[in-house]
Amino acid sequence: MFLLTKDGQPKEMIPSAGHDISIYADCFVVMGMAEYARAAGDQDALQTAQKLYAHIESRFQAGKVRSEPYPIPEGYDAHGFAMIMLNTSQALAKAAEDMTGQERSLYRNQAWFYAGRILSGFCDSEHRIREVVPKSKAGEDSAGTLLLRHLNPGHTVESLWFVMEEAALRQDHEALQLAVKALKRALQLGWDEAFGGLLRYVDVDGGPPKGDDISGGERFEKLIRETWDTKLWWPHSEGLYACRLAFELTGDADCLAWYEKLHEYTFNTFPAAPGEEWLQIRDRRGEPIAQVVALPVKDPYHVMRNVMLMIELTAAE
């Protein structure tokens, strides 16, 4: 269930669209249940997470996946689907392996499958992670459209640290190096040379997104065109951890330089004042914008997760 009333009753987020409108919501439930099961040693919670994961997989196989409020037009595939399934598989793998003593679980193999999907299905010859791709050659005629041309730097850097963690576990040097190349490419194309920070969306060649519309993509296209030059807190926190992790795993000096560049911009821009609460969204010049982006209950998750991951990473040095 994606949305409830304050007394716990099912509520449609979009009138007449039904209740089951986002596969992402189900994946977050699996991740939460898996982490709880792992921390509490709760086998029932683990089984609940496993059952829901199996149901999610069956919906992907049946092609019955929704991603409201920004649906993907029929005939196209989204990087976000492989990305969320990679992260969900990783969370469930950690819980299953810790609680059963398995060296490598089914979920770890699934995680590697989705990492491969990202590197082979969405990473192009110039190391750019494409957000939307056609499912067949018939859709290649739409290559000049906005949905297929746009990149999402924040999504990319988040996705790539999932891939890097999995590649490191597998000791797959080739996959790790490819992920680092894609990370640096995303930062290069996404960085705002005029005002600093990562732009929300950019064109595949850099700069403002451009291209024609696709039938069925109207809401997604509107979001890209109207918000491309905003600066959000969560991509910057994801970039910080991705760059630090890449440096720790490979010693790549460029990644450390990007970490320092992102750190300076992030902590000079998003806190309301030194030591105070961060503000969720800024305009291109870094000034606050009085609006809420997506789900206000989800966005802080990115920030806190990456702060904790960086603390753990540096503590292990």
C-alpha atoms as a PDB file:
ATOM      1  CA  MET A   1       0.000   0.000   0.000  1.00  0.00           C
ATOM      2  CA  PHE A   2       1.519   3.313  -1.100  1.00  0.00           C
ATOM      3  CA  LEU A   3      -0.585   5.794   0.880  1.00  0.00           C
ATOM      4  CA  LEU A   4      -2.835   5.673   3.959  1.00  0.00           C
ATOM      5  CA  THR A   5      -5.211   8.116   5.611  1.00  0.00           C
ATOM      6  CA  LYS A   6      -4.306   9.310   9.103  1.00  0.00           C
ATOM      7  CA  ASP A   7      -6.536   6.584  10.576  1.00  0.00           C
ATOM      8  CA  GLY A   8      -4.779   3.864   8.569  1.00  0.00           C
ATOM      9  CA  GLN A   9      -7.203   3.341   5.698  1.00  0.00           C
ATOM     10  CA  PRO A  10      -6.014   2.818   2.100  1.00  0.00           C
ATOM     11  CA  LYS A  11      -6.020   6.041   0.062  1.00  0.00           C
ATOM     12  CA  GLU A  12      -5.452   6.586  -3.641  1.00  0.00           C
ATOM     13  CA  MET A  13      -2.587   8.978  -4.284  1.00  0.00           C
ATOM     14  CA  ILE A  14      -3.928   9.578  -7.798  1.00  0.00           C
ATOM     15  CA  PRO A  15      -7.758   9.392  -8.159  1.00  0.00           C
ATOM     16  CA  SER A  16      -8.914   6.174  -9.882  1.00  0.00           C
ATOM     17  CA  ALA A  17      -5.302   4.906 -10.213  1.00  0.00           C
ATOM     18  CA  GLY A  18      -5.662   2.203  -7.569  1.00  0.00           C
ATOM     19  CA  HIS A  19      -3.526   1.577  -4.494  1.00  0.00           C
ATOM     20  CA  ASP A  20      -0.643  -0.478  -5.870  1.00  0.00           C
ATOM     21  CA  ILE A  21       1.070   2.232  -7.895  1.00  0.00           C
ATOM     22  CA  SER A  22       4.778   2.084  -7.028  1.00  0.00           C
ATOM     23  CA  ILE A  23       7.127  -0.904  -6.987  1.00  0.00           C
ATOM     24  CA  TYR A  24       9.590   1.295  -5.116  1.00  0.00           C
ATOM     25  CA  ALA A  25       7.357   1.383  -2.041  1.00  0.00           C
ATOM     26  CA  ASP A  26       7.345  -2.417  -1.858  1.00  0.00           C
ATOM     27  CA  CYS A  27      11.128  -2.538  -2.220  1.00  0.00           C
ATOM     28  CA  PHE A  28      11.589  -0.117   0.663  1.00  0.00           C
ATOM     29  CA  VAL A  29       9.417  -2.362   2.830  1.00  0.00           C
ATOM     30  CA  VAL A  30      11.617  -5.356   1.977  1.00  0.00           C
ATOM     31  CA  MET A  31      14.772  -3.401   2.830  1.00  0.00           C
ATOM     32  CA  GLY A  32      13.317  -2.201   6.122  1.00  0.00           C
ATOM     33  CA  MET A  33      12.093  -5.668   7.123  1.00  0.00           C
ATOM     34  CA  ALA A  34      15.416  -7.239   6.126  1.00  0.00           C
ATOM     35  CA  GLU A  35      17.438  -4.786   8.210  1.00  0.00           C
ATOM     36  CA  TYR A  36      15.105  -5.237  11.177  1.00  0.00           C
ATOM     37  CA  ALA A  37      15.317  -9.025  10.860  1.00  0.00           C
ATOM     38  CA  ARG A  38      19.102  -8.841  10.737  1.00  0.00           C
ATOM     39  CA  ALA A  39      19.346  -6.533  13.764  1.00  0.00           C
ATOM     40  CA  ALA A  40      16.769  -8.390  15.879  1.00  0.00           C
ATOM     41  CA  GLY A  41      17.445 -11.933  14.693  1.00  0.00           C
ATOM     42  CA  ASP A  42      13.752 -12.174  13.799  1.00  0.00           C
ATOM     43  CA  GLN A  43      13.191 -15.122  11.448  1.00  0.00           C
ATOM     44  CA  ASP A  44       9.517 -14.234  10.912  1.00  0.00           C
ATOM     45  CA  ALA A  45      10.481 -10.767   9.711  1.00  0.00           C
ATOM     46  CA  LEU A  46      13.037 -12.291   7.348  1.00  0.00           C
ATOM     47  CA  GLN A  47      10.429 -14.657   5.906  1.00  0.00           C
ATOM     48  CA  THR A  48       8.012 -11.765   5.412  1.00  0.00           C
ATOM     49  CA  ALA A  49      10.693  -9.836   3.520  1.00  0.00           C
ATOM     50  CA  GLN A  50      11.508 -12.909   1.418  1.00  0.00           C
ATOM     51  CA  LYS A  51       7.850 -13.460   0.468  1.00  0.00           C
ATOM     52  CA  LEU A  52       7.390  -9.858  -0.576  1.00  0.00           C
ATOM     53  CA  TYR A  53      10.635  -9.965  -2.568  1.00  0.00           C
ATOM     54  CA  ALA A  54       9.382 -13.049  -4.445  1.00  0.00           C
ATOM     55  CA  HIS A  55       6.137 -11.237  -5.216  1.00  0.00           C
ATOM     56  CA  ILE A  56       8.033  -8.206  -6.528  1.00  0.00           C
ATOM     57  CA  GLU A  57      10.148 -10.453  -8.763  1.00  0.00           C
ATOM     58  CA  SER A  58       7.017 -12.135 -10.143  1.00  0.00           C
ATOM     59  CA  ARG A  59       5.543  -8.744 -11.028  1.00  0.00           C
ATOM     60  CA  PHE A  60       8.710  -7.766 -12.891  1.00  0.00           C
ATOM     61  CA  GLN A  61       8.621 -11.016 -14.835  1.00  0.00           C
ATOM     62  CA  ALA A  62       4.954 -10.498 -15.681  1.00  0.00           C
ATOM     63  CA  GLY A  63       5.574  -6.897 -16.755  1.00  0.00           C
ATOM     64  CA  LYS A  64       3.163  -5.617 -14.079  1.00  0.00           C
ATOM     65  CA  VAL A  65       5.340  -2.916 -12.564  1.00  0.00           C
ATOM     66  CA  ARG A  66       4.218   0.649 -11.885  1.00  0.00           C
ATOM     67  CA  SER A  67       6.302   3.679 -10.936  1.00  0.00           C
ATOM     68  CA  GLU A  68       3.856   6.450 -10.157  1.00  0.00           C
ATOM     69  CA  PRO A  69       3.813   9.400  -9.920  1.00  0.00           C
ATOM     70  CA  TYR A  70       6.169   9.316 -12.949  1.00  0.00           C
ATOM     71  CA  PRO A  71       5.282   6.251 -15.027  1.00  0.00           C
ATOM     72  CA  ILE A  72       7.625   4.820 -17.642  1.00  0.00           C
ATOM     73  CA  PRO A  73       5.929   4.650 -21.077  1.00  0.00           C
ATOM     74  CA  GLU A  74       5.200   1.197 -22.474  1.00  0.00           C
ATOM     75  CA  GLY A  75       8.084  -0.243 -24.479  1.00  0.00           C
ATOM     76  CA  TYR A  76      10.812   1.355 -22.364  1.00  0.00           C
ATOM     77  CA  ASP A  77      12.904   0.235 -19.401  1.00  0.00           C
ATOM     78  CA  ALA A  78      14.089   2.371 -16.485  1.00  0.00           C
ATOM     79  CA  HIS A  79      17.505   2.334 -14.821  1.00  0.00           C
ATOM     80  CA  GLY A  80      15.648   2.905 -11.559  1.00  0.00           C
ATOM     81  CA  PHE A  81      14.111  -0.577 -11.715  1.00  0.00           C
ATOM     82  CA  ALA A  82      17.464  -2.387 -11.894  1.00  0.00           C
ATOM     83  CA  MET A  83      18.889   0.029  -9.337  1.00  0.00           C
ATOM     84  CA  ILE A  84      16.198  -0.506  -6.681  1.00  0.00           C
ATOM     85  CA  MET A  85      16.273  -4.275  -7.185  1.00  0.00           C
ATOM     86  CA  LEU A  86      20.049  -4.291  -6.760  1.00  0.00           C
ATOM     87  CA  ASN A  87      19.815  -2.427  -3.455  1.00  0.00           C
ATOM     88  CA  THR A  88      16.854  -4.528  -2.269  1.00  0.00           C
ATOM     89  CA  SER A  89      18.689  -7.756  -3.143  1.00  0.00           C
ATOM     90  CA  GLN A  90      21.764  -6.534  -1.253  1.00  0.00           C
ATOM     91  CA  ALA A  91      19.784  -5.780   1.901  1.00  0.00           C
ATOM     92  CA  LEU A  92      18.067  -9.160   1.807  1.00  0.00           C
ATOM     93  CA  ALA A  93      21.344 -10.951   1.031  1.00  0.00           C
ATOM     94  CA  LYS A  94      23.031  -9.454   4.111  1.00  0.00           C
ATOM     95  CA  ALA A  95      20.139 -10.516   6.330  1.00  0.00           C
ATOM     96  CA  ALA A  96      19.841 -14.022   4.859  1.00  0.00           C
ATOM     97  CA  GLU A  97      23.598 -14.665   4.989  1.00  0.00           C
ATOM     98  CA  ASP A  98      24.017 -13.331   8.539  1.00  0.00           C
ATOM     99  CA  MET A  99      21.038 -15.268   9.866  1.00  0.00           C
ATOM    100  CA  THR A 100      21.624 -18.583   8.083  1.00  0.00           C
ATOM    101  CA  GLY A 101      25.411 -18.703   7.860  1.00  0.00           C
ATOM    102  CA  GLN A 102      25.283 -19.008   4.077  1.00  0.00           C
ATOM    103  CA  GLU A 103      28.422 -17.810   2.332  1.00  0.00           C
ATOM    104  CA  ARG A 104      26.436 -16.685  -0.715  1.00  0.00           C
ATOM    105  CA  SER A 105      22.656 -16.595  -0.849  1.00  0.00           C
ATOM    106  CA  LEU A 106      20.230 -16.566  -3.744  1.00  0.00           C
ATOM    107  CA  TYR A 107      19.798 -12.848  -3.092  1.00  0.00           C
ATOM    108  CA  ARG A 108      23.509 -12.189  -3.476  1.00  0.00           C
ATOM    109  CA  ASN A 109      23.351 -13.799  -6.908  1.00  0.00           C
ATOM    110  CA  GLN A 110      20.328 -11.666  -7.733  1.00  0.00           C
ATOM    111  CA  ALA A 111      22.227  -8.557  -6.649  1.00  0.00           C
ATOM    112  CA  TRP A 112      25.038  -9.435  -9.036  1.00  0.00           C
ATOM    113  CA  PHE A 113      22.508  -9.973 -11.821  1.00  0.00           C
ATOM    114  CA  TYR A 114      21.055  -6.487 -11.347  1.00  0.00           C
ATOM    115  CA  ALA A 115      24.512  -4.925 -11.077  1.00  0.00           C
ATOM    116  CA  GLY A 116      25.264  -6.495 -14.436  1.00  0.00           C
ATOM    117  CA  ARG A 117      22.015  -5.118 -15.861  1.00  0.00           C
ATOM    118  CA  ILE A 118      23.107  -1.603 -14.912  1.00  0.00           C
ATOM    119  CA  LEU A 119      26.564  -1.926 -16.430  1.00  0.00           C
ATOM    120  CA  SER A 120      25.461  -3.733 -19.589  1.00  0.00           C
ATOM    121  CA  GLY A 121      21.950  -2.424 -20.213  1.00  0.00           C
ATOM    122  CA  PHE A 122      22.162   1.222 -19.178  1.00  0.00           C
ATOM    123  CA  CYS A 123      25.850   2.194 -19.368  1.00  0.00           C
ATOM    124  CA  ASP A 124      26.664   3.357 -22.887  1.00  0.00           C
ATOM    125  CA  SER A 125      29.986   3.355 -24.750  1.00  0.00           C
ATOM    126  CA  GLU A 126      30.877   6.754 -23.236  1.00  0.00           C
ATOM    127  CA  HIS A 127      30.279   5.518 -19.662  1.00  0.00           C
ATOM    128  CA  ARG A 128      27.005   7.425 -19.261  1.00  0.00           C
ATOM    129  CA  ILE A 129      24.235   5.721 -17.307  1.00  0.00           C
ATOM    130  CA  ARG A 130      21.037   6.248 -19.308  1.00  0.00           C
ATOM    131  CA  GLU A 131      17.889   6.646 -17.232  1.00  0.00           C
ATOM    132  CA  VAL A 132      15.469   5.306 -19.847  1.00  0.00           C
ATOM    133  CA  VAL A 133      16.221   2.898 -22.710  1.00  0.00           C
ATOM    134  CA  PRO A 134      14.006   1.171 -25.304  1.00  0.00           C
ATOM    135  CA  LYS A 135      13.255  -2.493 -24.656  1.00  0.00           C
ATOM    136  CA  SER A 136      13.767  -3.403 -28.302  1.00  0.00           C
ATOM    137  CA  LYS A 137      15.471  -2.076 -31.437  1.00  0.00           C
ATOM    138  CA  ALA A 138      12.095  -0.814 -32.594  1.00  0.00           C
ATOM    139  CA  GLY A 139      12.337   1.874 -29.915  1.00  0.00           C
ATOM    140  CA  GLU A 140      15.695   3.179 -31.112  1.00  0.00           C
ATOM    141  CA  ASP A 141      13.854   5.680 -33.319  1.00  0.00           C
ATOM    142  CA  SER A 142      13.080   7.556 -30.085  1.00  0.00           C
ATOM    143  CA  ALA A 143      16.770   8.150 -29.294  1.00  0.00           C
ATOM    144  CA  GLY A 144      16.348  11.909 -29.745  1.00  0.00           C
ATOM    145  CA  THR A 145      13.532  12.234 -27.220  1.00  0.00           C
ATOM    146  CA  LEU A 146      13.769  13.945 -23.846  1.00  0.00           C
ATOM    147  CA  LEU A 147      13.255  10.760 -21.815  1.00  0.00           C
ATOM    148  CA  LEU A 148      16.009   8.888 -23.631  1.00  0.00           C
ATOM    149  CA  ARG A 149      18.431  11.829 -23.744  1.00  0.00           C
ATOM    150  CA  HIS A 150      18.172  12.979 -20.138  1.00  0.00           C
ATOM    151  CA  LEU A 151      20.572  11.866 -17.405  1.00  0.00           C
ATOM    152  CA  ASN A 152      20.009  11.930 -13.655  1.00  0.00           C
ATOM    153  CA  PRO A 153      23.406  12.504 -11.977  1.00  0.00           C
ATOM    154  CA  GLY A 154      22.136  11.862  -8.450  1.00  0.00           C
ATOM    155  CA  HIS A 155      20.462   8.598  -9.380  1.00  0.00           C
ATOM    156  CA  THR A 156      23.594   7.519 -11.209  1.00  0.00           C
ATOM    157  CA  VAL A 157      26.053   8.113  -8.375  1.00  0.00           C
ATOM    158  CA  GLU A 158      23.739   6.365  -5.906  1.00  0.00           C
ATOM    159  CA  SER A 159      23.324   3.378  -8.208  1.00  0.00           C
ATOM    160  CA  LEU A 160      27.051   3.100  -8.813  1.00  0.00           C
ATOM    161  CA  TRP A 161      28.034   2.742  -5.193  1.00  0.00           C
ATOM    162  CA  PHE A 162      25.626  -0.206  -5.001  1.00  0.00           C
ATOM    163  CA  VAL A 163      27.460  -1.659  -8.017  1.00  0.00           C
ATOM    164  CA  MET A 164      30.901  -0.905  -6.547  1.00  0.00           C
ATOM    165  CA  GLU A 165      30.069  -2.642  -3.273  1.00  0.00           C
ATOM    166  CA  GLU A 166      28.901  -5.736  -5.132  1.00  0.00           C
ATOM    167  CA  ALA A 167      31.885  -5.742  -7.492  1.00  0.00           C
ATOM    168  CA  ALA A 168      34.238  -5.471  -4.501  1.00  0.00           C
ATOM    169  CA  LEU A 169      32.565  -8.466  -2.836  1.00  0.00           C
ATOM    170  CA  ARG A 170      33.009 -10.456  -6.051  1.00  0.00           C
ATOM    171  CA  GLN A 171      36.554  -9.147  -6.478  1.00  0.00           C
ATOM    172  CA  ASP A 172      35.590  -8.230 -10.027  1.00  0.00           C
ATOM    173  CA  HIS A 173      38.192  -5.615 -10.941  1.00  0.00           C
ATOM    174  CA  GLU A 174      36.742  -5.000 -14.412  1.00  0.00           C
ATOM    175  CA  ALA A 175      33.234  -4.241 -13.125  1.00  0.00           C
ATOM    176  CA  LEU A 176      34.644  -2.039 -10.366  1.00  0.00           C
ATOM    177  CA  GLN A 177      36.721   0.020 -12.800  1.00  0.00           C
ATOM    178  CA  LEU A 178      33.769   0.415 -15.173  1.00  0.00           C
ATOM    179  CA  ALA A 179      31.610   1.654 -12.293  1.00  0.00           C
ATOM    180  CA  VAL A 180      34.274   4.199 -11.302  1.00  0.00           C
ATOM    181  CA  LYS A 181      34.503   5.468 -14.886  1.00  0.00           C
ATOM    182  CA  ALA A 182      30.721   5.879 -14.997  1.00  0.00           C
ATOM    183  CA  LEU A 183      30.781   7.655 -11.625  1.00  0.00           C
ATOM    184  CA  LYS A 184      33.314  10.218 -12.809  1.00  0.00           C
ATOM    185  CA  ARG A 185      31.399  10.705 -16.072  1.00  0.00           C
ATOM    186  CA  ALA A 186      28.165  11.400 -14.179  1.00  0.00           C
ATOM    187  CA  LEU A 187      29.881  13.962 -11.970  1.00  0.00           C
ATOM    188  CA  GLN A 188      31.525  15.630 -14.947  1.00  0.00           C
ATOM    189  CA  LEU A 189      28.255  15.967 -16.880  1.00  0.00           C
ATOM    190  CA  GLY A 190      26.131  16.783 -13.830  1.00  0.00           C
ATOM    191  CA  TRP A 191      28.341  19.455 -12.243  1.00  0.00           C
ATOM    192  CA  ASP A 192      27.124  23.026 -12.643  1.00  0.00           C
ATOM    193  CA  GLU A 193      30.220  24.934 -13.756  1.00  0.00           C
ATOM    194  CA  ALA A 194      28.443  28.274 -13.331  1.00  0.00           C
ATOM    195  CA  PHE A 195      27.223  27.942  -9.729  1.00  0.00           C
ATOM    196  CA  GLY A 196      28.571  24.646  -8.403  1.00  0.00           C
ATOM    197  CA  GLY A 197      26.711  21.557  -7.259  1.00  0.00           C
ATOM    198  CA  LEU A 198      24.967  18.758  -9.102  1.00  0.00           C
ATOM    199  CA  LEU A 199      22.084  19.639 -11.397  1.00  0.00           C
ATOM    200  CA  ARG A 200      18.980  17.498 -11.005  1.00  0.00           C
ATOM    201  CA  TYR A 201      18.824  16.533 -14.691  1.00  0.00           C
ATOM    202  CA  VAL A 202      21.122  17.145 -17.653  1.00  0.00           C
ATOM    203  CA  ASP A 203      21.240  16.275 -21.326  1.00  0.00           C
ATOM    204  CA  VAL A 204      23.268  13.266 -22.424  1.00  0.00           C
ATOM    205  CA  ASP A 205      25.853  15.719 -23.819  1.00  0.00           C
ATOM    206  CA  GLY A 206      25.663  18.005 -20.773  1.00  0.00           C
ATOM    207  CA  GLY A 207      23.692  21.190 -20.237  1.00  0.00           C
ATOM    208  CA  PRO A 208      19.900  21.596 -20.126  1.00  0.00           C
ATOM    209  CA  PRO A 209      17.881  18.498 -21.078  1.00  0.00           C
ATOM    210  CA  LYS A 210      16.433  18.595 -24.591  1.00  0.00           C
ATOM    211  CA  GLY A 211      14.479  16.411 -26.994  1.00  0.00           C
ATOM    212  CA  ASP A 212      10.987  15.575 -28.201  1.00  0.00           C
ATOM    213  CA  ASP A 213       8.168  14.091 -26.150  1.00  0.00           C
ATOM    214  CA  ILE A 214       7.055  10.454 -25.970  1.00  0.00           C
ATOM    215  CA  SER A 215       3.401   9.492 -25.699  1.00  0.00           C
ATOM    216  CA  GLY A 216       2.737   8.455 -22.120  1.00  0.00           C
ATOM    217  CA  GLY A 217       5.714  10.305 -20.678  1.00  0.00           C
ATOM    218  CA  GLU A 218       4.066  13.675 -20.089  1.00  0.00           C
ATOM    219  CA  ARG A 219       4.369  13.844 -16.300  1.00  0.00           C
ATOM    220  CA  PHE A 220       7.987  12.660 -16.322  1.00  0.00           C
ATOM    221  CA  GLU A 221       8.907  15.085 -19.113  1.00  0.00           C
ATOM    222  CA  LYS A 222       7.267  17.991 -17.280  1.00  0.00           C
ATOM    223  CA  LEU A 223       9.287  17.188 -14.151  1.00  0.00           C
ATOM    224  CA  ILE A 224      12.553  17.126 -16.106  1.00  0.00           C
ATOM    225  CA  ARG A 225      11.916  20.395 -17.952  1.00  0.00           C
ATOM    226  CA  GLU A 226      10.695  22.329 -14.918  1.00  0.00           C
ATOM    227  CA  THR A 227      13.211  21.181 -12.293  1.00  0.00           C
ATOM    228  CA  TRP A 228      16.413  20.310 -14.185  1.00  0.00           C
ATOM    229  CA  ASP A 229      18.453  23.180 -12.701  1.00  0.00           C
ATOM    230  CA  THR A 230      17.508  22.701  -9.043  1.00  0.00           C
ATOM    231  CA  LYS A 231      19.968  21.424  -6.442  1.00  0.00           C
ATOM    232  CA  LEU A 232      18.688  18.713  -4.080  1.00  0.00           C
ATOM    233  CA  TRP A 233      20.301  17.549  -0.865  1.00  0.00           C
ATOM    234  CA  TRP A 234      20.095  13.808  -1.519  1.00  0.00           C
ATOM    235  CA  PRO A 235      22.220  13.566  -4.735  1.00  0.00           C
ATOM    236  CA  HIS A 236      25.013  15.415  -2.971  1.00  0.00           C
ATOM    237  CA  SER A 237      24.999  13.035  -0.004  1.00  0.00           C
ATOM    238  CA  GLU A 238      24.990  10.080  -2.409  1.00  0.00           C
ATOM    239  CA  GLY A 239      27.882  11.618  -4.336  1.00  0.00           C
ATOM    240  CA  LEU A 240      29.929  12.068  -1.179  1.00  0.00           C
ATOM    241  CA  TYR A 241      29.687   8.407  -0.224  1.00  0.00           C
ATOM    242  CA  ALA A 242      30.132   7.133  -3.793  1.00  0.00           C
ATOM    243  CA  CYS A 243      33.324   9.146  -4.267  1.00  0.00           C
ATOM    244  CA  ARG A 244      34.772   8.214  -0.898  1.00  0.00           C
ATOM    245  CA  LEU A 245      33.986   4.544  -1.458  1.00  0.00           C
ATOM    246  CA  ALA A 246      35.513   4.633  -4.958  1.00  0.00           C
ATOM    247  CA  PHE A 247      38.693   6.141  -3.557  1.00  0.00           C
ATOM    248  CA  GLU A 248      38.911   3.581  -0.738  1.00  0.00           C
ATOM    249  CA  LEU A 249      38.380   0.674  -3.148  1.00  0.00           C
ATOM    250  CA  THR A 250      40.598   1.825  -6.024  1.00  0.00           C
ATOM    251  CA  GLY A 251      42.828   4.666  -4.823  1.00  0.00           C
ATOM    252  CA  ASP A 252      41.558   6.789  -7.738  1.00  0.00           C
ATOM    253  CA  ALA A 253      42.777  10.333  -6.988  1.00  0.00           C
ATOM    254  CA  ASP A 254      40.074  11.893  -9.169  1.00  0.00           C
ATOM    255  CA  CYS A 255      37.411  10.397  -6.913  1.00  0.00           C
ATOM    256  CA  LEU A 256      39.034  11.900  -3.825  1.00  0.00           C
ATOM    257  CA  ALA A 257      39.164  15.287  -5.566  1.00  0.00           C
ATOM    258  CA  TRP A 258      35.472  14.983  -6.429  1.00  0.00           C
ATOM    259  CA  TYR A 259      34.711  14.061  -2.813  1.00  0.00           C
ATOM    260  CA  GLU A 260      36.413  17.214  -1.588  1.00  0.00           C
ATOM    261  CA  LYS A 261      34.663  19.361  -4.204  1.00  0.00           C
ATOM    262  CA  LEU A 262      31.257  17.924  -3.311  1.00  0.00           C
ATOM    263  CA  HIS A 263      31.962  18.226   0.415  1.00  0.00           C
ATOM    264  CA  GLU A 264      32.751  21.928   0.125  1.00  0.00           C
ATOM    265  CA  TYR A 265      29.627  22.686  -1.931  1.00  0.00           C
ATOM    266  CA  THR A 266      27.310  20.485   0.150  1.00  0.00           C
ATOM    267  CA  PHE A 267      28.215  21.845   3.563  1.00  0.00           C
ATOM    268  CA  ASN A 268      28.325  25.440   2.323  1.00  0.00           C
ATOM    269  CA  THR A 269      24.919  25.146   0.669  1.00  0.00           C
ATOM    270  CA  PHE A 270      22.405  22.834   2.329  1.00  0.00           C
ATOM    271  CA  PRO A 271      22.606  23.559   6.082  1.00  0.00           C
ATOM    272  CA  ALA A 272      20.266  26.431   6.961  1.00  0.00           C
ATOM    273  CA  ALA A 273      23.216  27.781   8.980  1.00  0.00           C
ATOM    274  CA  PRO A 274      26.398  26.169  10.349  1.00  0.00           C
ATOM    275  CA  GLY A 275      25.361  23.238  12.508  1.00  0.00           C
ATOM    276  CA  GLU A 276      21.660  23.659  11.724  1.00  0.00           C
ATOM    277  CA  GLU A 277      19.137  21.513   9.847  1.00  0.00           C
ATOM    278  CA  TRP A 278      19.667  20.986   6.120  1.00  0.00           C
ATOM    279  CA  LEU A 279      17.203  22.425   3.616  1.00  0.00           C
ATOM    280  CA  GLN A 280      15.897  19.983   1.028  1.00  0.00           C
ATOM    281  CA  ILE A 281      16.022  22.018  -2.169  1.00  0.00           C
ATOM    282  CA  ARG A 282      17.881  25.036  -3.546  1.00  0.00           C
ATOM    283  CA  ASP A 283      17.677  26.885  -6.836  1.00  0.00           C
ATOM    284  CA  ARG A 284      20.531  26.893  -9.308  1.00  0.00           C
ATOM    285  CA  ARG A 285      22.327  29.705  -7.442  1.00  0.00           C
ATOM    286  CA  GLY A 286      21.977  27.873  -4.134  1.00  0.00           C
ATOM    287  CA  GLU A 287      19.127  29.929  -2.700  1.00  0.00           C
ATOM    288  CA  PRO A 288      16.351  28.114  -0.748  1.00  0.00           C
ATOM    289  CA  ILE A 289      13.130  27.168  -2.549  1.00  0.00           C
ATOM    290  CA  ALA A 290       9.936  26.821  -0.508  1.00  0.00           C
ATOM    291  CA  GLN A 291       8.632  23.540  -1.908  1.00  0.00           C
ATOM    292  CA  VAL A 292       8.673  19.835  -1.143  1.00  0.00           C
ATOM    293  CA  VAL A 293      10.348  17.405  -3.550  1.00  0.00           C
ATOM    294  CA  ALA A 294       8.739  13.960  -3.931  1.00  0.00           C
ATOM    295  CA  LEU A 295       8.134  12.364  -0.521  1.00  0.00           C
ATOM    296  CA  PRO A 296       9.419  14.409   2.423  1.00  0.00           C
ATOM    297  CA  VAL A 297       9.542  11.240   4.540  1.00  0.00           C
ATOM    298  CA  LYS A 298      11.958   9.549   2.102  1.00  0.00           C
ATOM    299  CA  ASP A 299      14.441  12.256   1.205  1.00  0.00           C
ATOM    300  CA  PRO A 300      16.104  12.500   4.665  1.00  0.00           C
ATOM    301  CA  TYR A 301      16.796   8.767   4.445  1.00  0.00           C
ATOM    302  CA  HIS A 302      19.417   9.398   1.753  1.00  0.00           C
ATOM    303  CA  VAL A 303      21.231  11.985   3.852  1.00  0.00           C
ATOM    304  CA  MET A 304      21.363   9.991   7.095  1.00  0.00           C
ATOM    305  CA  ARG A 305      22.221   6.732   5.346  1.00  0.00           C
ATOM    306  CA  ASN A 306      25.231   8.250   3.639  1.00  0.00           C
ATOM    307  CA  VAL A 307      26.462  10.039   6.744  1.00  0.00           C
ATOM    308  CA  MET A 308      26.388   6.729   8.631  1.00  0.00           C
ATOM    309  CA  LEU A 309      28.044   4.854   5.762  1.00  0.00           C
ATOM    310  CA  MET A 310      30.867   7.397   5.605  1.00  0.00           C
ATOM    311  CA  ILE A 311      31.385   7.148   9.357  1.00  0.00           C
ATOM    312  CA  GLU A 312      31.595   3.352   9.068  1.00  0.00           C
ATOM    313  CA  LEU A 313      33.941   3.608   6.085  1.00  0.00           C
ATOM    314  CA  THR A 314      36.380   5.969   7.817  1.00  0.00           C
ATOM    315  CA  ALA A 315      36.163   4.021  11.110  1.00  0.00           C
ATOM    316  CA  ALA A 316      37.293   0.896   9.264  1.00  0.00           C
ATOM    317  CA  GLU A 317      40.453   2.567   7.922  1.00  0.00           C
END
